[in-house]
C-alpha atoms as a PDB file:
ATOM      1  CA  MET A   1       0.000   0.000   0.000  1.00  0.00           C
ATOM      2  CA  SER A   2       1.277   3.475  -0.827  1.00  0.00           C
ATOM      3  CA  ASN A   3       2.027   5.656   2.163  1.00  0.00           C
ATOM      4  CA  LYS A   4      -0.225   8.313   0.601  1.00  0.00           C
ATOM      5  CA  VAL A   5      -3.322   6.955   2.331  1.00  0.00           C
ATOM      6  CA  ILE A   6      -6.110   8.722   4.178  1.00  0.00           C
ATOM      7  CA  CYS A   7      -7.847   6.474   6.687  1.00  0.00           C
ATOM      8  CA  ILE A   8     -11.433   7.310   7.644  1.00  0.00           C
ATOM      9  CA  ILE A   9     -12.513   5.889  11.012  1.00  0.00           C
ATOM     10  CA  ASP A  10     -16.238   6.520  11.426  1.00  0.00           C
ATOM     11  CA  ASP A  11     -19.250   4.330  12.139  1.00  0.00           C
ATOM     12  CA  ASP A  12     -21.480   6.120   9.586  1.00  0.00           C
ATOM     13  CA  PRO A  13     -21.212   4.434   6.169  1.00  0.00           C
ATOM     14  CA  ILE A  14     -22.859   7.405   4.437  1.00  0.00           C
ATOM     15  CA  TYR A  15     -20.306   9.780   5.934  1.00  0.00           C
ATOM     16  CA  GLN A  16     -17.504   7.426   4.857  1.00  0.00           C
ATOM     17  CA  LEU A  17     -18.827   7.394   1.295  1.00  0.00           C
ATOM     18  CA  LEU A  18     -19.279  11.175   1.234  1.00  0.00           C
ATOM     19  CA  THR A  19     -15.746  11.750   2.521  1.00  0.00           C
ATOM     20  CA  LYS A  20     -14.260   9.368  -0.055  1.00  0.00           C
ATOM     21  CA  LYS A  21     -16.112  11.257  -2.798  1.00  0.00           C
ATOM     22  CA  ILE A  22     -14.879  14.622  -1.488  1.00  0.00           C
ATOM     23  CA  ILE A  23     -11.296  13.310  -1.423  1.00  0.00           C
ATOM     24  CA  ALA A  24     -11.719  12.128  -5.017  1.00  0.00           C
ATOM     25  CA  ILE A  25     -13.145  15.504  -6.085  1.00  0.00           C
ATOM     26  CA  ALA A  26     -10.172  17.241  -4.419  1.00  0.00           C
ATOM     27  CA  LYS A  27      -7.917  15.315  -6.818  1.00  0.00           C
ATOM     28  CA  THR A  28      -5.238  14.579  -4.255  1.00  0.00           C
ATOM     29  CA  ASP A  29      -2.819  11.727  -4.821  1.00  0.00           C
ATOM     30  CA  TYR A  30      -4.123   9.948  -1.701  1.00  0.00           C
ATOM     31  CA  SER A  31      -6.006   6.677  -1.699  1.00  0.00           C
ATOM     32  CA  THR A  32      -8.492   5.888   1.088  1.00  0.00           C
ATOM     33  CA  ILE A  33      -9.270   3.086   3.490  1.00  0.00           C
ATOM     34  CA  SER A  34     -12.035   3.101   6.069  1.00  0.00           C
ATOM     35  CA  PHE A  35     -13.074   1.391   9.279  1.00  0.00           C
ATOM     36  CA  LYS A  36     -16.313   1.517  11.250  1.00  0.00           C
ATOM     37  CA  ASN A  37     -14.690   1.848  14.705  1.00  0.00           C
ATOM     38  CA  GLY A  38     -11.374   2.334  16.419  1.00  0.00           C
ATOM     39  CA  ARG A  39     -10.943  -1.348  17.326  1.00  0.00           C
ATOM     40  CA  GLU A  40     -11.285  -2.457  13.699  1.00  0.00           C
ATOM     41  CA  ALA A  41      -8.693   0.124  12.606  1.00  0.00           C
ATOM     42  CA  LEU A  42      -6.299  -0.610  15.461  1.00  0.00           C
ATOM     43  CA  ASP A  43      -6.411  -4.360  14.771  1.00  0.00           C
ATOM     44  CA  TYR A  44      -5.607  -3.681  11.107  1.00  0.00           C
ATOM     45  CA  PHE A  45      -2.662  -1.435  11.994  1.00  0.00           C
ATOM     46  CA  ILE A  46      -1.297  -3.965  14.507  1.00  0.00           C
ATOM     47  CA  ASP A  47      -1.607  -6.852  12.025  1.00  0.00           C
ATOM     48  CA  LEU A  48      -0.110  -4.863   9.126  1.00  0.00           C
ATOM     49  CA  PRO A  49       2.172  -2.172  10.594  1.00  0.00           C
ATOM     50  CA  GLU A  50       3.705  -1.578   7.177  1.00  0.00           C
ATOM     51  CA  ASN A  51       0.310  -0.267   6.041  1.00  0.00           C
ATOM     52  CA  LEU A  52       0.045   2.678   8.414  1.00  0.00           C
ATOM     53  CA  PRO A  53      -1.777   5.551   6.740  1.00  0.00           C
ATOM     54  CA  CYS A  54      -0.333   8.999   6.272  1.00  0.00           C
ATOM     55  CA  ILE A  55      -3.489  10.685   7.599  1.00  0.00           C
ATOM     56  CA  ILE A  56      -6.322   9.490   9.855  1.00  0.00           C
ATOM     57  CA  LEU A  57      -9.704  11.259   9.926  1.00  0.00           C
ATOM     58  CA  LEU A  58     -11.134  10.108  13.256  1.00  0.00           C
ATOM     59  CA  ASP A  59     -14.659  10.362  14.623  1.00  0.00           C
ATOM     60  CA  ILE A  60     -15.092  10.602  18.394  1.00  0.00           C
ATOM     61  CA  GLU A  61     -18.347   8.768  19.078  1.00  0.00           C
ATOM     62  CA  MET A  62     -18.389   5.206  17.757  1.00  0.00           C
ATOM     63  CA  PRO A  63     -19.410   1.819  19.131  1.00  0.00           C
ATOM     64  CA  ILE A  64     -16.908  -0.827  20.302  1.00  0.00           C
ATOM     65  CA  MET A  65     -13.941   1.603  20.493  1.00  0.00           C
ATOM     66  CA  ASP A  66     -14.529   5.333  20.321  1.00  0.00           C
ATOM     67  CA  GLY A  67     -12.064   7.948  19.121  1.00  0.00           C
ATOM     68  CA  TRP A  68     -10.701   8.716  22.580  1.00  0.00           C
ATOM     69  CA  ASP A  69      -9.961   5.056  23.333  1.00  0.00           C
ATOM     70  CA  PHE A  70      -8.361   4.700  19.899  1.00  0.00           C
ATOM     71  CA  LEU A  71      -6.140   7.713  20.622  1.00  0.00           C
ATOM     72  CA  ASN A  72      -5.130   6.255  23.992  1.00  0.00           C
ATOM     73  CA  GLU A  73      -4.003   3.074  22.221  1.00  0.00           C
ATOM     74  CA  ILE A  74      -2.226   4.958  19.430  1.00  0.00           C
ATOM     75  CA  GLU A  75      -0.239   7.008  21.960  1.00  0.00           C
ATOM     76  CA  LYS A  76       1.338   3.699  23.090  1.00  0.00           C
ATOM     77  CA  ARG A  77       2.492   2.767  19.580  1.00  0.00           C
ATOM     78  CA  ASN A  78       5.029   4.082  17.134  1.00  0.00           C
ATOM     79  CA  MET A  79       2.931   5.839  14.523  1.00  0.00           C
ATOM     80  CA  ALA A  80       5.182   8.863  14.081  1.00  0.00           C
ATOM     81  CA  GLN A  81       4.486   9.115  10.362  1.00  0.00           C
ATOM     82  CA  THR A  82       0.700   9.261  10.851  1.00  0.00           C
ATOM     83  CA  THR A  83      -1.132  12.563  11.315  1.00  0.00           C
ATOM     84  CA  ILE A  84      -4.541  12.435  13.040  1.00  0.00           C
ATOM     85  CA  TYR A  85      -7.424  14.870  12.635  1.00  0.00           C
ATOM     86  CA  LEU A  86     -10.614  14.622  14.666  1.00  0.00           C
ATOM     87  CA  VAL A  87     -13.621  15.036  12.402  1.00  0.00           C
ATOM     88  CA  THR A  88     -16.801  15.041  14.423  1.00  0.00           C
ATOM     89  CA  SER A  89     -20.322  16.356  14.675  1.00  0.00           C
ATOM     90  CA  SER A  90     -19.582  17.247  18.304  1.00  0.00           C
ATOM     91  CA  ILE A  91     -19.592  20.947  19.077  1.00  0.00           C
ATOM     92  CA  SER A  92     -18.601  20.332  22.679  1.00  0.00           C
ATOM     93  CA  HIS A  93     -16.032  22.727  24.091  1.00  0.00           C
ATOM     94  CA  GLU A  94     -14.874  19.879  26.345  1.00  0.00           C
ATOM     95  CA  ASP A  95     -14.055  17.730  23.301  1.00  0.00           C
ATOM     96  CA  LYS A  96     -11.965  20.534  21.800  1.00  0.00           C
ATOM     97  CA  GLU A  97     -10.150  20.974  25.101  1.00  0.00           C
ATOM     98  CA  LYS A  98      -9.585  17.233  25.461  1.00  0.00           C
ATOM     99  CA  THR A  99      -7.732  17.191  22.128  1.00  0.00           C
ATOM    100  CA  LYS A 100      -4.885  19.061  23.851  1.00  0.00           C
ATOM    101  CA  CYS A 101      -4.159  15.906  25.858  1.00  0.00           C
ATOM    102  CA  PHE A 102      -3.141  14.003  22.718  1.00  0.00           C
ATOM    103  CA  SER A 103       0.074  14.889  20.927  1.00  0.00           C
ATOM    104  CA  LYS A 104      -0.997  13.013  17.774  1.00  0.00           C
ATOM    105  CA  ILE A 105      -3.987  15.282  17.041  1.00  0.00           C
ATOM    106  CA  SER A 106      -3.136  17.867  14.409  1.00  0.00           C
ATOM    107  CA  GLY A 107      -6.578  19.415  14.075  1.00  0.00           C
ATOM    108  CA  PHE A 108     -10.262  19.367  14.973  1.00  0.00           C
ATOM    109  CA  PHE A 109     -12.889  19.715  12.226  1.00  0.00           C
ATOM    110  CA  SER A 110     -16.666  19.680  12.234  1.00  0.00           C
ATOM    111  CA  LYS A 111     -18.483  17.337   9.867  1.00  0.00           C
ATOM    112  CA  PRO A 112     -18.765  17.274   6.998  1.00  0.00           C
ATOM    113  CA  LEU A 113     -15.382  18.023   5.500  1.00  0.00           C
ATOM    114  CA  ASP A 114     -15.293  19.901   2.221  1.00  0.00           C
ATOM    115  CA  VAL A 115     -12.781  20.011  -0.636  1.00  0.00           C
ATOM    116  CA  ASP A 116     -10.962  23.018   0.842  1.00  0.00           C
ATOM    117  CA  LYS A 117     -10.454  21.245   4.175  1.00  0.00           C
ATOM    118  CA  ILE A 118      -9.193  18.097   2.428  1.00  0.00           C
ATOM    119  CA  LEU A 119      -6.742  20.186   0.422  1.00  0.00           C
ATOM    120  CA  GLN A 120      -5.619  21.952   3.608  1.00  0.00           C
ATOM    121  CA  ILE A 121      -5.082  18.626   5.395  1.00  0.00           C
ATOM    122  CA  THR A 122      -3.150  17.055   2.529  1.00  0.00           C
ATOM    123  CA  LYS A 123      -1.081  20.200   1.956  1.00  0.00           C
ATOM    124  CA  GLU A 124      -0.040  20.288   5.623  1.00  0.00           C
ATOM    125  CA  ARG A 125       1.122  16.719   5.329  1.00  0.00           C
END
């Protein structure tokens, strides 16, 4: 797998599809993979560490393993080359403040992302 991968971790299949379409419209050179919860993504990354994505777009509220639990697990692992952005429908001030506790979070965006935000994210990378 190319290291130019954006990973979408979100339990909403419609949001996943929409985000993949927006990434395609943005005409970046990134491919996409997606997972419906943090546990599914973490298991994949543990089993295939050579396939770590360049960028993760992470939802906070998901079943099985939410975004916060996923971040706690990621902090324990060597994923230096992966940049994580929280992309959530939460407008909670507490959630924005909590992001400061995680060194891996590079940004906090409200859903849905648009082409300009995708271009900003990929340009920063």
